[in-house]
Amino acid sequence: MAKTSDRPRLSELFFVFARVSAITIGGGYVMFPMLKRELVDAKGWISDEELVDYYALGQAIPGIISMNTSTLVGYRKHGLPGAIAAAAGMAAPSLVVILLIAAFFVQYLDHVWVQKAFLGIRTAVVAMVGMAVWEVGKKSVTTPTKAAIAVGSFLAIAGLHGSPMLLIVTGALLGLILFRKEAKA
């Protein structure tokens, strides 16, 4: 894998995140495979593990996952200016699309073809979210203990309607206790 600069230009941060945002429908989970391809595989700016960590942190802090993740990566690569450039890149395509929809598309929302297009888009988004779960799972669930935590967390949320914040705190504490040696290695 050919590595590009460890400290990319601000314009490069902006345009990488703008490109990912422009071709993604469905939000942060859907962006994961595209971010991996751009940030890890193509640019070599971060590792697989760092991307998973940024995604986890992006979910744990308030806000939109994709914005949080882009801001964290931008900050890691170029400090505060990088965080601003990456976040602006992630937001720019959505802002343009929202303005275009507000200006021209609202009158067609009830049209049968538009409704059918949205049904197709929703189906594709489900597949892309599944792909993101698979990619994150491959990198994160590497031992029986981690698998038990993942399954337990899923069951607590899906079956018992547990608090996501409580699960994040519990997961952090379990990570500190169970994986202390792994982190030191």
Protein backbone atom coordinates (compact mmCIF):
# COMPACT_ATOMS: atom_id res chain seq x y z
CA MET A 1 0.00 0.00 0.00
CA ALA A 2 1.51 3.30 -1.05
CA LYS A 3 1.32 5.79 1.78
CA THR A 4 0.61 9.41 1.06
CA SER A 5 1.77 12.21 3.30
CA ASP A 6 1.33 11.59 7.00
CA ARG A 7 0.13 15.19 7.23
CA PRO A 8 -2.21 15.78 4.29
CA ARG A 9 -2.99 19.24 3.01
CA LEU A 10 -6.18 20.82 4.35
CA SER A 11 -7.67 20.84 0.85
CA GLU A 12 -6.93 17.10 0.57
CA LEU A 13 -8.76 16.43 3.84
CA PHE A 14 -11.70 18.51 2.66
CA PHE A 15 -12.01 16.80 -0.74
CA VAL A 16 -11.56 13.23 0.52
CA PHE A 17 -14.40 13.66 3.03
CA ALA A 18 -16.52 15.60 0.52
CA ARG A 19 -16.14 12.79 -2.03
CA VAL A 20 -17.19 10.14 0.51
CA SER A 21 -20.13 12.24 1.67
CA ALA A 22 -21.25 13.01 -1.88
CA ILE A 23 -21.64 9.36 -2.88
CA THR A 24 -23.21 8.07 0.32
CA ILE A 25 -26.88 7.75 1.11
CA GLY A 26 -27.77 6.44 4.54
CA GLY A 27 -25.47 8.10 7.03
CA GLY A 28 -22.46 7.15 9.10
CA TYR A 29 -22.80 3.37 9.09
CA VAL A 30 -23.00 3.27 5.33
CA MET A 31 -19.87 5.42 5.03
CA PHE A 32 -17.66 2.99 6.92
CA PRO A 33 -16.60 0.85 3.92
CA MET A 34 -15.96 3.96 1.84
CA LEU A 35 -13.96 5.63 4.59
CA LYS A 36 -11.92 2.45 4.98
CA ARG A 37 -11.18 2.39 1.26
CA GLU A 38 -10.17 6.07 1.22
CA LEU A 39 -8.45 6.60 4.57
CA VAL A 40 -6.89 3.19 5.19
CA ASP A 41 -6.43 1.49 1.83
CA ALA A 42 -5.86 4.37 -0.61
CA LYS A 43 -4.31 7.13 1.51
CA GLY A 44 -2.82 5.13 4.38
CA TRP A 45 -3.58 7.98 6.75
CA ILE A 46 -4.85 5.72 9.52
CA SER A 47 -4.95 1.99 10.30
CA ASP A 48 -7.98 -0.31 10.30
CA GLU A 49 -7.91 -0.29 14.10
CA GLU A 50 -7.80 3.51 14.27
CA LEU A 51 -10.81 3.77 11.96
CA VAL A 52 -12.78 1.37 14.14
CA ASP A 53 -11.73 3.35 17.23
CA TYR A 54 -12.75 6.67 15.64
CA TYR A 55 -16.09 5.16 14.62
CA ALA A 56 -16.69 3.86 18.14
CA LEU A 57 -15.82 7.25 19.61
CA GLY A 58 -17.94 8.98 16.94
CA GLN A 59 -20.92 6.91 18.12
CA ALA A 60 -20.24 7.50 21.79
CA ILE A 61 -20.10 11.30 21.66
CA PRO A 62 -23.12 13.46 20.84
CA GLY A 63 -23.64 14.28 17.20
CA ILE A 64 -23.69 12.66 13.79
CA ILE A 65 -21.35 9.67 13.48
CA SER A 66 -19.93 10.68 10.11
CA MET A 67 -19.27 14.24 11.24
CA ASN A 68 -17.70 13.10 14.50
CA THR A 69 -15.50 10.56 12.73
CA SER A 70 -14.35 13.00 10.06
CA THR A 71 -13.59 15.61 12.70
CA LEU A 72 -11.55 13.12 14.73
CA VAL A 73 -9.55 11.99 11.70
CA GLY A 74 -9.00 15.59 10.58
CA TYR A 75 -7.83 16.55 14.06
CA ARG A 76 -5.50 13.55 14.23
CA LYS A 77 -3.91 14.43 10.89
CA HIS A 78 -3.75 18.24 11.05
CA GLY A 79 -4.96 19.55 14.42
CA LEU A 80 -7.84 22.01 14.70
CA PRO A 81 -7.56 23.26 11.09
CA GLY A 82 -7.72 19.63 9.92
CA ALA A 83 -10.79 18.96 12.05
CA ILE A 84 -12.53 21.97 10.51
CA ALA A 85 -11.52 21.05 6.94
CA ALA A 86 -12.62 17.41 7.31
CA ALA A 87 -15.94 18.36 8.93
CA ALA A 88 -16.60 20.99 6.26
CA GLY A 89 -15.88 18.42 3.56
CA MET A 90 -18.27 15.94 5.15
CA ALA A 91 -21.02 18.57 5.47
CA ALA A 92 -20.71 20.34 2.10
CA PRO A 93 -22.38 17.76 -0.21
CA SER A 94 -25.31 17.27 2.18
CA LEU A 95 -25.83 21.01 2.43
CA VAL A 96 -25.91 21.35 -1.37
CA VAL A 97 -28.35 18.44 -1.74
CA ILE A 98 -30.65 19.77 0.98
CA LEU A 99 -30.72 23.20 -0.66
CA LEU A 100 -31.49 21.66 -4.07
CA ILE A 101 -34.26 19.49 -2.62
CA ALA A 102 -35.76 22.44 -0.81
CA ALA A 103 -35.64 24.54 -3.96
CA PHE A 104 -36.78 22.10 -6.65
CA PHE A 105 -37.72 18.63 -5.45
CA VAL A 106 -40.35 19.08 -2.74
CA GLN A 107 -43.17 19.41 -5.25
CA TYR A 108 -42.40 15.91 -6.62
CA LEU A 109 -42.18 13.97 -3.32
CA ASP A 110 -45.67 12.45 -3.71
CA HIS A 111 -45.04 11.25 -7.27
CA VAL A 112 -45.19 7.43 -7.60
CA TRP A 113 -41.77 7.17 -9.30
CA VAL A 114 -40.10 9.19 -6.57
CA GLN A 115 -41.69 6.95 -3.91
CA LYS A 116 -40.44 3.83 -5.75
CA ALA A 117 -36.95 5.31 -6.01
CA PHE A 118 -36.91 5.91 -2.26
CA LEU A 119 -37.96 2.29 -1.64
CA GLY A 120 -34.99 1.14 -3.71
CA ILE A 121 -32.66 3.50 -1.90
CA ARG A 122 -33.83 2.21 1.50
CA THR A 123 -33.14 -1.36 0.43
CA ALA A 124 -29.63 -0.46 -0.71
CA VAL A 125 -28.99 1.39 2.55
CA VAL A 126 -29.90 -1.72 4.57
CA ALA A 127 -27.35 -3.71 2.56
CA MET A 128 -24.69 -1.05 3.09
CA VAL A 129 -25.35 -0.89 6.84
CA GLY A 130 -25.00 -4.68 6.94
CA MET A 131 -21.65 -4.35 5.15
CA ALA A 132 -20.48 -1.77 7.68
CA VAL A 133 -21.47 -4.04 10.58
CA TRP A 134 -19.57 -6.90 8.95
CA GLU A 135 -16.43 -4.77 8.40
CA VAL A 136 -16.41 -3.39 11.95
CA GLY A 137 -17.15 -6.85 13.35
CA LYS A 138 -14.21 -8.44 11.49
CA LYS A 139 -11.83 -5.92 13.03
CA SER A 140 -13.37 -5.80 16.51
CA VAL A 141 -14.74 -9.23 17.37
CA THR A 142 -11.53 -11.27 17.33
CA THR A 143 -11.83 -13.37 20.50
CA PRO A 144 -14.60 -15.31 22.25
CA THR A 145 -14.66 -12.67 25.01
CA LYS A 146 -15.17 -9.86 22.50
CA ALA A 147 -17.86 -11.93 20.75
CA ALA A 148 -19.66 -12.43 24.07
CA ILE A 149 -19.58 -8.68 24.74
CA ALA A 150 -20.89 -7.93 21.23
CA VAL A 151 -23.72 -10.48 21.46
CA GLY A 152 -24.59 -9.38 25.00
CA SER A 153 -24.70 -5.75 23.91
CA PHE A 154 -26.89 -6.56 20.92
CA LEU A 155 -29.30 -8.56 23.06
CA ALA A 156 -29.41 -5.85 25.73
CA ILE A 157 -30.37 -3.23 23.15
CA ALA A 158 -32.58 -5.29 20.81
CA GLY A 159 -34.24 -7.58 23.34
CA LEU A 160 -34.30 -5.57 26.53
CA HIS A 161 -34.28 -2.06 25.05
CA GLY A 162 -31.24 -1.22 27.19
CA SER A 163 -29.75 2.23 27.36
CA PRO A 164 -27.03 2.71 24.72
CA MET A 165 -25.19 5.10 27.04
CA LEU A 166 -25.15 2.50 29.81
CA LEU A 167 -23.84 -0.08 27.34
CA ILE A 168 -21.06 2.26 26.17
CA VAL A 169 -19.95 2.89 29.75
CA THR A 170 -20.19 -0.83 30.57
CA GLY A 171 -18.21 -1.70 27.43
CA ALA A 172 -15.53 0.82 28.33
CA LEU A 173 -15.22 -0.59 31.83
CA LEU A 174 -15.10 -4.18 30.53
CA GLY A 175 -12.43 -3.11 28.03
CA LEU A 176 -10.34 -1.56 30.78
CA ILE A 177 -10.65 -4.66 32.94
CA LEU A 178 -10.49 -7.48 30.39
CA PHE A 179 -8.12 -6.13 27.77
CA ARG A 180 -5.53 -4.31 29.87
CA LYS A 181 -2.73 -6.70 28.82
CA GLU A 182 -3.74 -6.59 25.15
CA ALA A 183 -3.50 -2.79 25.09
CA LYS A 184 0.00 -2.83 26.59
CA ALA A 185 1.30 -5.23 23.91
